[in-house]
N, C-alpha and C. Protein backbone atom coordinates (compact mmCIF):
# COMPACT_ATOMS: atom_id res chain seq x y z
N UNK A 1 84.55 -16.61 -25.65
CA UNK A 1 83.17 -17.05 -26.67
C UNK A 1 83.44 -17.99 -27.43
N UNK A 2 82.96 -18.75 -27.84
CA UNK A 2 83.40 -19.52 -28.89
C UNK A 2 82.61 -18.88 -30.33
N UNK A 3 83.42 -18.81 -31.09
CA UNK A 3 82.58 -18.21 -32.53
C UNK A 3 82.14 -19.12 -33.60
N UNK A 4 82.62 -18.82 -34.82
CA UNK A 4 82.27 -19.99 -35.73
C UNK A 4 82.80 -21.62 -35.80
N UNK A 5 84.11 -20.95 -35.05
CA UNK A 5 84.69 -22.49 -34.95
C UNK A 5 84.15 -23.16 -34.24
N UNK A 6 83.55 -23.05 -32.92
CA UNK A 6 82.69 -23.53 -32.25
C UNK A 6 81.83 -24.89 -33.09
N UNK A 7 81.59 -24.26 -34.02
CA UNK A 7 79.91 -25.00 -35.13
C UNK A 7 81.04 -26.23 -36.10
N UNK A 8 82.19 -25.52 -36.36
CA UNK A 8 82.74 -26.55 -36.97
C UNK A 8 82.83 -27.72 -36.32
N UNK A 9 82.67 -27.80 -35.24
CA UNK A 9 83.23 -29.36 -34.56
C UNK A 9 81.96 -30.20 -34.76
N UNK A 10 81.09 -29.77 -34.65
CA UNK A 10 79.77 -30.83 -34.54
C UNK A 10 80.03 -31.64 -36.13
N UNK A 11 80.68 -31.20 -37.04
CA UNK A 11 80.64 -32.55 -37.80
C UNK A 11 79.49 -32.36 -38.45
N UNK A 12 79.52 -32.97 -40.01
CA UNK A 12 78.05 -33.14 -40.42
C UNK A 12 76.94 -34.18 -39.77
N UNK A 13 75.78 -33.36 -40.19
CA UNK A 13 74.39 -34.24 -39.80
C UNK A 13 74.50 -35.55 -40.07
N UNK A 14 73.76 -36.42 -40.03
CA UNK A 14 73.35 -37.63 -40.70
C UNK A 14 71.67 -37.53 -40.91
N UNK A 15 71.75 -38.03 -41.91
CA UNK A 15 70.04 -38.21 -42.44
C UNK A 15 69.27 -39.53 -42.44
N UNK A 16 68.87 -39.50 -41.66
CA UNK A 16 67.59 -40.69 -41.08
C UNK A 16 66.86 -40.65 -42.02
N UNK A 17 65.80 -41.82 -43.04
CA UNK A 17 64.67 -41.57 -43.46
C UNK A 17 64.36 -42.82 -43.07
N UNK A 18 62.82 -42.51 -43.17
CA UNK A 18 62.27 -44.01 -42.48
C UNK A 18 62.04 -44.36 -43.93
N UNK A 19 62.61 -45.88 -43.86
CA UNK A 19 62.16 -46.49 -44.62
C UNK A 19 60.80 -46.37 -45.78
N UNK A 20 61.02 -46.88 -47.24
CA UNK A 20 59.70 -47.14 -47.71
C UNK A 20 58.55 -47.87 -47.73
N UNK A 21 57.39 -47.49 -47.56
CA UNK A 21 56.23 -48.10 -47.32
C UNK A 21 55.91 -49.71 -48.75
N UNK A 22 55.85 -50.93 -48.19
CA UNK A 22 55.90 -51.59 -49.02
C UNK A 22 55.10 -51.15 -50.08
N UNK A 23 55.38 -51.40 -51.74
CA UNK A 23 55.28 -50.41 -53.01
C UNK A 23 53.70 -50.96 -52.79
N UNK A 24 52.65 -51.94 -52.48
CA UNK A 24 51.33 -52.37 -52.71
C UNK A 24 51.46 -53.12 -51.04
N UNK A 25 49.78 -52.41 -50.27
CA UNK A 25 49.49 -52.56 -49.79
C UNK A 25 48.61 -53.59 -49.85
N UNK A 26 48.31 -54.63 -51.05
CA UNK A 26 47.13 -55.25 -51.32
C UNK A 26 46.52 -56.33 -50.28
N UNK A 27 48.09 -57.28 -49.98
CA UNK A 27 47.06 -58.54 -49.48
C UNK A 27 46.17 -57.97 -47.69
N UNK A 28 47.58 -56.73 -47.56
CA UNK A 28 46.89 -56.49 -46.08
C UNK A 28 44.64 -56.15 -46.06
N UNK A 29 45.00 -55.47 -47.27
CA UNK A 29 43.38 -54.66 -47.56
C UNK A 29 42.69 -56.14 -47.26
N UNK A 30 42.96 -57.00 -48.38
CA UNK A 30 42.30 -58.28 -48.86
C UNK A 30 41.73 -59.14 -47.21
N UNK A 31 42.84 -59.02 -46.70
CA UNK A 31 42.76 -60.13 -45.47
C UNK A 31 41.48 -59.03 -44.32
N UNK A 32 41.62 -57.55 -44.31
CA UNK A 32 40.80 -56.98 -43.64
C UNK A 32 39.09 -57.02 -44.05
N UNK A 33 39.28 -56.92 -45.52
CA UNK A 33 38.10 -56.97 -46.39
C UNK A 33 37.14 -58.21 -45.47
N UNK A 34 38.47 -59.51 -45.35
CA UNK A 34 38.00 -60.59 -45.53
C UNK A 34 37.12 -60.93 -44.16
N UNK A 35 38.21 -60.26 -43.16
CA UNK A 35 37.65 -60.18 -41.46
C UNK A 35 36.24 -59.67 -41.60
N UNK A 36 36.55 -58.85 -42.23
CA UNK A 36 34.97 -57.77 -41.82
C UNK A 36 33.65 -58.59 -42.74
N UNK A 37 33.63 -59.20 -43.84
CA UNK A 37 32.76 -59.68 -44.01
C UNK A 37 32.92 -61.15 -43.94
N UNK A 38 33.72 -61.68 -42.90
CA UNK A 38 33.30 -63.17 -41.97
C UNK A 38 33.04 -62.54 -40.92
N UNK A 39 32.66 -61.19 -40.14
CA UNK A 39 32.49 -61.32 -39.00
C UNK A 39 30.85 -60.72 -39.55
N UNK A 40 30.68 -60.09 -40.79
CA UNK A 40 28.63 -59.14 -41.15
C UNK A 40 28.33 -61.19 -41.71
N UNK A 41 29.12 -61.82 -41.91
CA UNK A 41 28.32 -62.84 -41.72
C UNK A 41 27.65 -63.93 -40.46
N UNK A 42 29.05 -63.55 -39.41
CA UNK A 42 28.64 -64.10 -38.29
C UNK A 42 27.69 -63.76 -37.69
N UNK A 43 27.31 -62.33 -37.84
CA UNK A 43 26.46 -61.41 -37.41
C UNK A 43 25.03 -61.53 -37.57
N UNK A 44 25.05 -61.76 -39.14
CA UNK A 44 23.71 -62.33 -39.78
C UNK A 44 23.03 -63.50 -38.88
N UNK A 45 24.25 -64.34 -39.03
CA UNK A 45 23.85 -65.61 -38.77
C UNK A 45 23.38 -65.87 -36.80
N UNK A 46 23.93 -65.14 -35.94
CA UNK A 46 23.92 -64.70 -34.75
C UNK A 46 22.25 -64.11 -34.55
N UNK A 47 22.15 -63.05 -35.83
CA UNK A 47 20.55 -62.54 -35.33
C UNK A 47 19.83 -63.40 -35.72
N UNK A 48 20.03 -64.43 -36.95
CA UNK A 48 19.08 -65.52 -37.45
C UNK A 48 18.79 -66.53 -36.53
N UNK A 49 19.73 -67.04 -35.59
CA UNK A 49 19.89 -67.64 -34.23
C UNK A 49 18.50 -67.41 -33.73
N UNK A 50 19.38 -65.76 -32.81
CA UNK A 50 18.27 -65.40 -31.84
C UNK A 50 17.18 -65.89 -32.62
N UNK A 51 16.44 -65.10 -33.71
CA UNK A 51 15.31 -65.01 -33.91
C UNK A 51 14.17 -66.47 -34.19
N UNK A 52 15.06 -66.99 -34.53
CA UNK A 52 14.75 -68.21 -34.60
C UNK A 52 14.33 -69.03 -33.47
N UNK A 53 15.30 -68.79 -32.05
CA UNK A 53 15.13 -69.16 -30.42
C UNK A 53 13.89 -68.45 -29.99
N UNK A 54 13.60 -67.23 -30.27
CA UNK A 54 12.82 -66.47 -29.92
C UNK A 54 11.29 -67.27 -30.33
N UNK A 55 11.55 -67.43 -31.28
CA UNK A 55 10.26 -67.33 -32.08
C UNK A 55 9.48 -68.72 -31.75
N UNK A 56 10.70 -69.83 -32.34
CA UNK A 56 10.16 -71.50 -31.47
C UNK A 56 10.44 -71.89 -29.95
N UNK A 57 10.23 -70.60 -28.93
CA UNK A 57 10.64 -70.52 -27.73
C UNK A 57 8.73 -70.72 -27.16
N UNK A 58 8.28 -71.94 -26.67
CA UNK A 58 7.29 -71.81 -26.12
C UNK A 58 6.70 -71.22 -25.05
N UNK A 59 5.78 -70.68 -24.77
CA UNK A 59 5.18 -68.97 -24.23
C UNK A 59 4.47 -70.06 -23.17
């Protein structure tokens, strides 16, 4: 039955650390906010266009 000597064969364990995140994620935030703002503007424009179409539709 192997005792403490068997543990010595394993050697030292290495540590694997994840890379540190970027110091600033500001450009990504700006892109997301800009995309959301454009989506809101597109939605408002679509709703306005639909209202214009429905109101002007000949009955």
